[in-house]
Amino acid sequence: MKIGIFGGSFDPLHYGHLISAQNLMEKLKLHTLFFVPTNNQYMKKKTLLSPSERIDLIHEAIYDVPGFRVSAVDIIRGGKTYSIDTVRDIKKTYCGENKFYLLIGSDCLKDLYKWKEYKQLKKEVTIYPFHRCTIHDLNLSGLDYSGKIIKLPNIEISSTDIKKRLKQGKSIRYLVPPNVYEYLMKKMAPSSNSE
């Protein structure tokens, strides 16, 4: 089996994540693609959703999509999230001959060599960077990764923009799946907002 590991904060999950995941699933001919929300979100002071809220919303959004799964391995483990630990935890749940693919944004490539146990990570999985703009925008010289760059449609949706729109009172209806939209509208309602 070919198994993809797609990590991120997913705070919140949006259509950019889902369109990217579907494209990666098809282009790499994956049997399973795991959405793996990080436990801690680096350099982010305030999160919109708790770890359990993110897990529940992802599960509800993807439960009927063949091959899509959500994994709470990083949240269960706690502490800082490192890709090598995520990969090892997911691999423990599989027996037999399987191929594992770590799916990362191409913006991570320049710092990949700084990741925890980077050389071992490259032995345990094939690293497939994905990119959502033109490939010639990337300077790939001297970068060390195992798979080829996967070109994806340029979907200009970000969790940061969604949070900004919510703060400004603007609509996010067509940026996120219906379950995420409904949940956030209830959560952000004045009666449930403590600010």
C-alpha atoms as a PDB file:
ATOM      1  CA  MET A   1       0.000   0.000   0.000  1.00  0.00           C
ATOM      2  CA  LYS A   2       1.023   3.595  -0.605  1.00  0.00           C
ATOM      3  CA  ILE A   3       0.345   5.784   2.420  1.00  0.00           C
ATOM      4  CA  GLY A   4       0.590   9.580   2.507  1.00  0.00           C
ATOM      5  CA  ILE A   5       1.206  11.606   5.664  1.00  0.00           C
ATOM      6  CA  PHE A   6      -0.137  15.158   5.405  1.00  0.00           C
ATOM      7  CA  GLY A   7       0.603  17.166   8.542  1.00  0.00           C
ATOM      8  CA  GLY A   8      -0.364  20.690   9.481  1.00  0.00           C
ATOM      9  CA  SER A   9      -2.107  22.833  12.030  1.00  0.00           C
ATOM     10  CA  PHE A  10      -5.469  22.673  10.199  1.00  0.00           C
ATOM     11  CA  ASP A  11      -6.571  25.647  12.324  1.00  0.00           C
ATOM     12  CA  PRO A  12      -9.079  25.558  10.693  1.00  0.00           C
ATOM     13  CA  LEU A  13      -9.319  22.922   7.957  1.00  0.00           C
ATOM     14  CA  HIS A  14     -10.228  24.632   4.664  1.00  0.00           C
ATOM     15  CA  TYR A  15     -10.821  23.809   1.013  1.00  0.00           C
ATOM     16  CA  GLY A  16      -7.183  24.538   0.151  1.00  0.00           C
ATOM     17  CA  HIS A  17      -6.170  21.609   2.380  1.00  0.00           C
ATOM     18  CA  LEU A  18      -8.830  19.315   0.915  1.00  0.00           C
ATOM     19  CA  ILE A  19      -8.129  20.170  -2.741  1.00  0.00           C
ATOM     20  CA  SER A  20      -4.389  19.705  -2.144  1.00  0.00           C
ATOM     21  CA  ALA A  21      -4.984  16.363  -0.404  1.00  0.00           C
ATOM     22  CA  GLN A  22      -7.228  15.087  -3.207  1.00  0.00           C
ATOM     23  CA  ASN A  23      -4.673  16.102  -5.846  1.00  0.00           C
ATOM     24  CA  LEU A  24      -1.815  14.466  -3.909  1.00  0.00           C
ATOM     25  CA  MET A  25      -3.878  11.302  -3.498  1.00  0.00           C
ATOM     26  CA  GLU A  26      -4.485  11.120  -7.247  1.00  0.00           C
ATOM     27  CA  LYS A  27      -1.030  12.167  -8.480  1.00  0.00           C
ATOM     28  CA  LEU A  28       0.813   9.759  -6.167  1.00  0.00           C
ATOM     29  CA  LYS A  29      -1.823   7.003  -6.493  1.00  0.00           C
ATOM     30  CA  LEU A  30      -2.097   6.715  -2.705  1.00  0.00           C
ATOM     31  CA  HIS A  31      -4.305   4.118  -1.042  1.00  0.00           C
ATOM     32  CA  THR A  32      -4.550   6.166   2.159  1.00  0.00           C
ATOM     33  CA  LEU A  33      -3.821   9.781   3.043  1.00  0.00           C
ATOM     34  CA  PHE A  34      -3.602  10.705   6.727  1.00  0.00           C
ATOM     35  CA  PHE A  35      -4.399  14.241   7.865  1.00  0.00           C
ATOM     36  CA  VAL A  36      -2.205  14.657  10.951  1.00  0.00           C
ATOM     37  CA  PRO A  37      -2.901  17.806  12.987  1.00  0.00           C
ATOM     38  CA  THR A  38       0.108  19.027  14.941  1.00  0.00           C
ATOM     39  CA  ASN A  39      -0.061  19.093  18.709  1.00  0.00           C
ATOM     40  CA  ASN A  40       1.630  22.438  19.138  1.00  0.00           C
ATOM     41  CA  GLN A  41       1.575  25.146  16.526  1.00  0.00           C
ATOM     42  CA  TYR A  42       4.981  26.742  16.237  1.00  0.00           C
ATOM     43  CA  MET A  43       5.257  30.495  16.689  1.00  0.00           C
ATOM     44  CA  LYS A  44       1.495  30.863  17.020  1.00  0.00           C
ATOM     45  CA  LYS A  45       0.436  32.646  20.176  1.00  0.00           C
ATOM     46  CA  LYS A  46      -3.287  32.040  19.957  1.00  0.00           C
ATOM     47  CA  THR A  47      -5.083  29.218  18.195  1.00  0.00           C
ATOM     48  CA  LEU A  48      -8.615  29.299  16.911  1.00  0.00           C
ATOM     49  CA  LEU A  49      -9.382  25.654  17.675  1.00  0.00           C
ATOM     50  CA  SER A  50      -8.229  23.194  20.318  1.00  0.00           C
ATOM     51  CA  PRO A  51      -6.539  19.943  19.263  1.00  0.00           C
ATOM     52  CA  SER A  52      -9.713  17.930  19.902  1.00  0.00           C
ATOM     53  CA  GLU A  53     -11.835  20.417  17.924  1.00  0.00           C
ATOM     54  CA  ARG A  54      -9.433  20.178  14.963  1.00  0.00           C
ATOM     55  CA  ILE A  55      -9.496  16.348  15.044  1.00  0.00           C
ATOM     56  CA  ASP A  56     -13.311  16.260  15.223  1.00  0.00           C
ATOM     57  CA  LEU A  57     -13.786  18.790  12.412  1.00  0.00           C
ATOM     58  CA  ILE A  58     -11.341  17.030  10.100  1.00  0.00           C
ATOM     59  CA  HIS A  59     -12.970  13.665  10.784  1.00  0.00           C
ATOM     60  CA  GLU A  60     -16.439  15.039  10.102  1.00  0.00           C
ATOM     61  CA  ALA A  61     -15.294  16.714   6.860  1.00  0.00           C
ATOM     62  CA  ILE A  62     -13.531  13.636   5.404  1.00  0.00           C
ATOM     63  CA  TYR A  63     -15.333  10.603   6.871  1.00  0.00           C
ATOM     64  CA  ASP A  64     -16.985   9.686   3.558  1.00  0.00           C
ATOM     65  CA  VAL A  65     -13.976  10.321   1.279  1.00  0.00           C
ATOM     66  CA  PRO A  66     -12.386   7.031   0.197  1.00  0.00           C
ATOM     67  CA  GLY A  67      -8.799   6.777   1.434  1.00  0.00           C
ATOM     68  CA  PHE A  68      -8.868   9.900   3.618  1.00  0.00           C
ATOM     69  CA  ARG A  69      -8.152   9.328   7.321  1.00  0.00           C
ATOM     70  CA  VAL A  70      -7.331  11.502  10.313  1.00  0.00           C
ATOM     71  CA  SER A  71      -4.640  10.563  12.829  1.00  0.00           C
ATOM     72  CA  ALA A  72      -4.239  12.020  16.302  1.00  0.00           C
ATOM     73  CA  VAL A  73      -0.727  10.577  16.841  1.00  0.00           C
ATOM     74  CA  ASP A  74       0.898  13.993  17.362  1.00  0.00           C
ATOM     75  CA  ILE A  75      -1.804  15.196  19.730  1.00  0.00           C
ATOM     76  CA  ILE A  76      -1.794  11.946  21.720  1.00  0.00           C
ATOM     77  CA  ARG A  77       2.010  12.018  22.004  1.00  0.00           C
ATOM     78  CA  GLY A  78       1.907  15.638  23.205  1.00  0.00           C
ATOM     79  CA  GLY A  79       4.805  18.056  23.335  1.00  0.00           C
ATOM     80  CA  LYS A  80       6.562  19.342  20.249  1.00  0.00           C
ATOM     81  CA  THR A  81       5.661  17.822  16.904  1.00  0.00           C
ATOM     82  CA  TYR A  82       8.519  16.371  14.859  1.00  0.00           C
ATOM     83  CA  SER A  83       7.952  14.632  11.519  1.00  0.00           C
ATOM     84  CA  ILE A  84      10.237  11.699  12.395  1.00  0.00           C
ATOM     85  CA  ASP A  85       8.045  10.873  15.422  1.00  0.00           C
ATOM     86  CA  THR A  86       4.848  11.228  13.379  1.00  0.00           C
ATOM     87  CA  VAL A  87       6.187   8.902  10.675  1.00  0.00           C
ATOM     88  CA  ARG A  88       7.331   6.285  13.184  1.00  0.00           C
ATOM     89  CA  ASP A  89       4.019   6.331  15.059  1.00  0.00           C
ATOM     90  CA  ILE A  90       1.992   5.895  11.873  1.00  0.00           C
ATOM     91  CA  LYS A  91       4.308   3.168  10.556  1.00  0.00           C
ATOM     92  CA  LYS A  92       3.806   1.175  13.792  1.00  0.00           C
ATOM     93  CA  THR A  93       0.144   0.660  12.867  1.00  0.00           C
ATOM     94  CA  TYR A  94       0.971  -1.089   9.571  1.00  0.00           C
ATOM     95  CA  CYS A  95       2.371  -4.550   8.861  1.00  0.00           C
ATOM     96  CA  GLY A  96       3.813  -5.878   5.635  1.00  0.00           C
ATOM     97  CA  GLU A  97       5.216  -4.086   2.630  1.00  0.00           C
ATOM     98  CA  ASN A  98       4.020  -0.497   2.569  1.00  0.00           C
ATOM     99  CA  LYS A  99       5.439   2.683   1.089  1.00  0.00           C
ATOM    100  CA  PHE A 100       5.157   5.852   3.138  1.00  0.00           C
ATOM    101  CA  TYR A 101       5.211   9.353   1.687  1.00  0.00           C
ATOM    102  CA  LEU A 102       5.686  12.519   3.734  1.00  0.00           C
ATOM    103  CA  LEU A 103       3.822  15.340   1.995  1.00  0.00           C
ATOM    104  CA  ILE A 104       5.219  18.782   2.792  1.00  0.00           C
ATOM    105  CA  GLY A 105       4.846  22.267   1.397  1.00  0.00           C
ATOM    106  CA  SER A 106       7.786  23.222  -0.818  1.00  0.00           C
ATOM    107  CA  ASP A 107       8.408  26.216   1.458  1.00  0.00           C
ATOM    108  CA  CYS A 108       9.724  23.707   4.052  1.00  0.00           C
ATOM    109  CA  LEU A 109      12.508  22.453   1.762  1.00  0.00           C
ATOM    110  CA  LYS A 110      15.027  25.143   2.599  1.00  0.00           C
ATOM    111  CA  ASP A 111      15.024  24.148   6.293  1.00  0.00           C
ATOM    112  CA  LEU A 112      14.543  20.408   5.853  1.00  0.00           C
ATOM    113  CA  TYR A 113      18.144  19.645   6.818  1.00  0.00           C
ATOM    114  CA  LYS A 114      17.445  21.241  10.247  1.00  0.00           C
ATOM    115  CA  TRP A 115      14.600  18.845  11.053  1.00  0.00           C
ATOM    116  CA  LYS A 116      15.025  16.334  13.876  1.00  0.00           C
ATOM    117  CA  GLU A 117      16.806  13.180  12.611  1.00  0.00           C
ATOM    118  CA  TYR A 118      16.579  14.469   9.051  1.00  0.00           C
ATOM    119  CA  LYS A 119      18.857  11.796   7.553  1.00  0.00           C
ATOM    120  CA  GLN A 120      16.899   9.002   9.223  1.00  0.00           C
ATOM    121  CA  LEU A 121      13.614  10.586   8.114  1.00  0.00           C
ATOM    122  CA  LYS A 122      14.761  10.340   4.488  1.00  0.00           C
ATOM    123  CA  LYS A 123      15.400   6.612   5.008  1.00  0.00           C
ATOM    124  CA  GLU A 124      11.985   5.981   6.539  1.00  0.00           C
ATOM    125  CA  VAL A 125       9.814   7.829   3.983  1.00  0.00           C
ATOM    126  CA  THR A 126       9.900   9.351   0.540  1.00  0.00           C
ATOM    127  CA  ILE A 127       9.553  13.104   0.964  1.00  0.00           C
ATOM    128  CA  TYR A 128       7.256  14.662  -1.634  1.00  0.00           C
ATOM    129  CA  PRO A 129       7.153  18.451  -1.542  1.00  0.00           C
ATOM    130  CA  PHE A 130       4.114  20.086  -3.118  1.00  0.00           C
ATOM    131  CA  HIS A 131       3.894  23.553  -4.567  1.00  0.00           C
ATOM    132  CA  ARG A 132       0.913  25.750  -5.378  1.00  0.00           C
ATOM    133  CA  CYS A 133       2.462  28.270  -7.754  1.00  0.00           C
ATOM    134  CA  THR A 134       4.751  28.045 -10.740  1.00  0.00           C
ATOM    135  CA  ILE A 135       7.718  25.723 -10.285  1.00  0.00           C
ATOM    136  CA  HIS A 136      10.123  28.317 -11.735  1.00  0.00           C
ATOM    137  CA  ASP A 137       9.331  30.485  -8.672  1.00  0.00           C
ATOM    138  CA  LEU A 138      11.344  27.970  -6.605  1.00  0.00           C
ATOM    139  CA  ASN A 139      15.094  27.936  -6.122  1.00  0.00           C
ATOM    140  CA  LEU A 140      15.778  24.229  -5.578  1.00  0.00           C
ATOM    141  CA  SER A 141      19.543  24.247  -6.003  1.00  0.00           C
ATOM    142  CA  GLY A 142      21.328  22.391  -3.226  1.00  0.00           C
ATOM    143  CA  LEU A 143      18.126  21.129  -1.589  1.00  0.00           C
ATOM    144  CA  ASP A 144      18.033  17.479  -0.571  1.00  0.00           C
ATOM    145  CA  TYR A 145      14.742  15.594  -0.745  1.00  0.00           C
ATOM    146  CA  SER A 146      13.754  12.202  -2.085  1.00  0.00           C
ATOM    147  CA  GLY A 147      10.618  12.646  -4.220  1.00  0.00           C
ATOM    148  CA  LYS A 148       9.859  15.006  -7.055  1.00  0.00           C
ATOM    149  CA  ILE A 149       8.004  18.292  -6.562  1.00  0.00           C
ATOM    150  CA  ILE A 150       4.269  17.851  -7.025  1.00  0.00           C
ATOM    151  CA  LYS A 151       2.581  20.808  -8.738  1.00  0.00           C
ATOM    152  CA  LEU A 152      -0.867  21.565  -7.344  1.00  0.00           C
ATOM    153  CA  PRO A 153      -3.538  24.076  -8.330  1.00  0.00           C
ATOM    154  CA  ASN A 154      -2.926  27.502  -6.807  1.00  0.00           C
ATOM    155  CA  ILE A 155      -5.746  27.771  -4.262  1.00  0.00           C
ATOM    156  CA  GLU A 156      -5.337  31.046  -2.413  1.00  0.00           C
ATOM    157  CA  ILE A 157      -6.964  30.076   0.859  1.00  0.00           C
ATOM    158  CA  SER A 158      -5.075  30.145   4.141  1.00  0.00           C
ATOM    159  CA  SER A 159      -5.967  29.550   7.769  1.00  0.00           C
ATOM    160  CA  THR A 160      -4.385  32.928   8.567  1.00  0.00           C
ATOM    161  CA  ASP A 161      -6.705  34.690   6.113  1.00  0.00           C
ATOM    162  CA  ILE A 162      -9.719  32.816   7.480  1.00  0.00           C
ATOM    163  CA  LYS A 163      -8.903  33.945  11.031  1.00  0.00           C
ATOM    164  CA  LYS A 164      -8.436  37.518   9.806  1.00  0.00           C
ATOM    165  CA  ARG A 165     -11.789  37.432   7.988  1.00  0.00           C
ATOM    166  CA  LEU A 166     -13.516  36.102  11.106  1.00  0.00           C
ATOM    167  CA  LYS A 167     -11.997  38.900  13.193  1.00  0.00           C
ATOM    168  CA  GLN A 168     -13.182  41.461  10.625  1.00  0.00           C
ATOM    169  CA  GLY A 169     -16.690  39.989  10.533  1.00  0.00           C
ATOM    170  CA  LYS A 170     -16.332  38.853   6.890  1.00  0.00           C
ATOM    171  CA  SER A 171     -17.805  35.651   5.496  1.00  0.00           C
ATOM    172  CA  ILE A 172     -15.812  32.412   5.275  1.00  0.00           C
ATOM    173  CA  ARG A 173     -18.734  30.363   3.949  1.00  0.00           C
ATOM    174  CA  TYR A 174     -17.082  29.185   0.712  1.00  0.00           C
ATOM    175  CA  LEU A 175     -13.570  28.816   2.135  1.00  0.00           C
ATOM    176  CA  VAL A 176     -14.231  25.946   4.546  1.00  0.00           C
ATOM    177  CA  PRO A 177     -16.347  22.756   4.521  1.00  0.00           C
ATOM    178  CA  PRO A 178     -19.942  23.210   5.770  1.00  0.00           C
ATOM    179  CA  ASN A 179     -19.279  21.475   9.105  1.00  0.00           C
ATOM    180  CA  VAL A 180     -16.326  23.781   9.826  1.00  0.00           C
ATOM    181  CA  TYR A 181     -18.355  26.840   8.813  1.00  0.00           C
ATOM    182  CA  GLU A 182     -21.284  25.936  11.044  1.00  0.00           C
ATOM    183  CA  TYR A 183     -19.028  25.128  13.997  1.00  0.00           C
ATOM    184  CA  LEU A 184     -17.075  28.369  13.690  1.00  0.00           C
ATOM    185  CA  MET A 185     -20.229  30.473  13.344  1.00  0.00           C
ATOM    186  CA  LYS A 186     -21.536  29.001  16.611  1.00  0.00           C
ATOM    187  CA  LYS A 187     -18.160  29.371  18.331  1.00  0.00           C
ATOM    188  CA  MET A 188     -17.728  32.994  17.190  1.00  0.00           C
ATOM    189  CA  ALA A 189     -21.306  34.032  18.065  1.00  0.00           C
ATOM    190  CA  PRO A 190     -21.337  36.878  20.634  1.00  0.00           C
ATOM    191  CA  SER A 191     -23.078  34.726  23.272  1.00  0.00           C
ATOM    192  CA  SER A 192     -20.273  32.110  23.124  1.00  0.00           C
ATOM    193  CA  ASN A 193     -17.383  34.531  22.679  1.00  0.00           C
ATOM    194  CA  SER A 194     -15.760  35.455  25.995  1.00  0.00           C
ATOM    195  CA  GLU A 195     -13.958  38.549  24.599  1.00  0.00           C
END
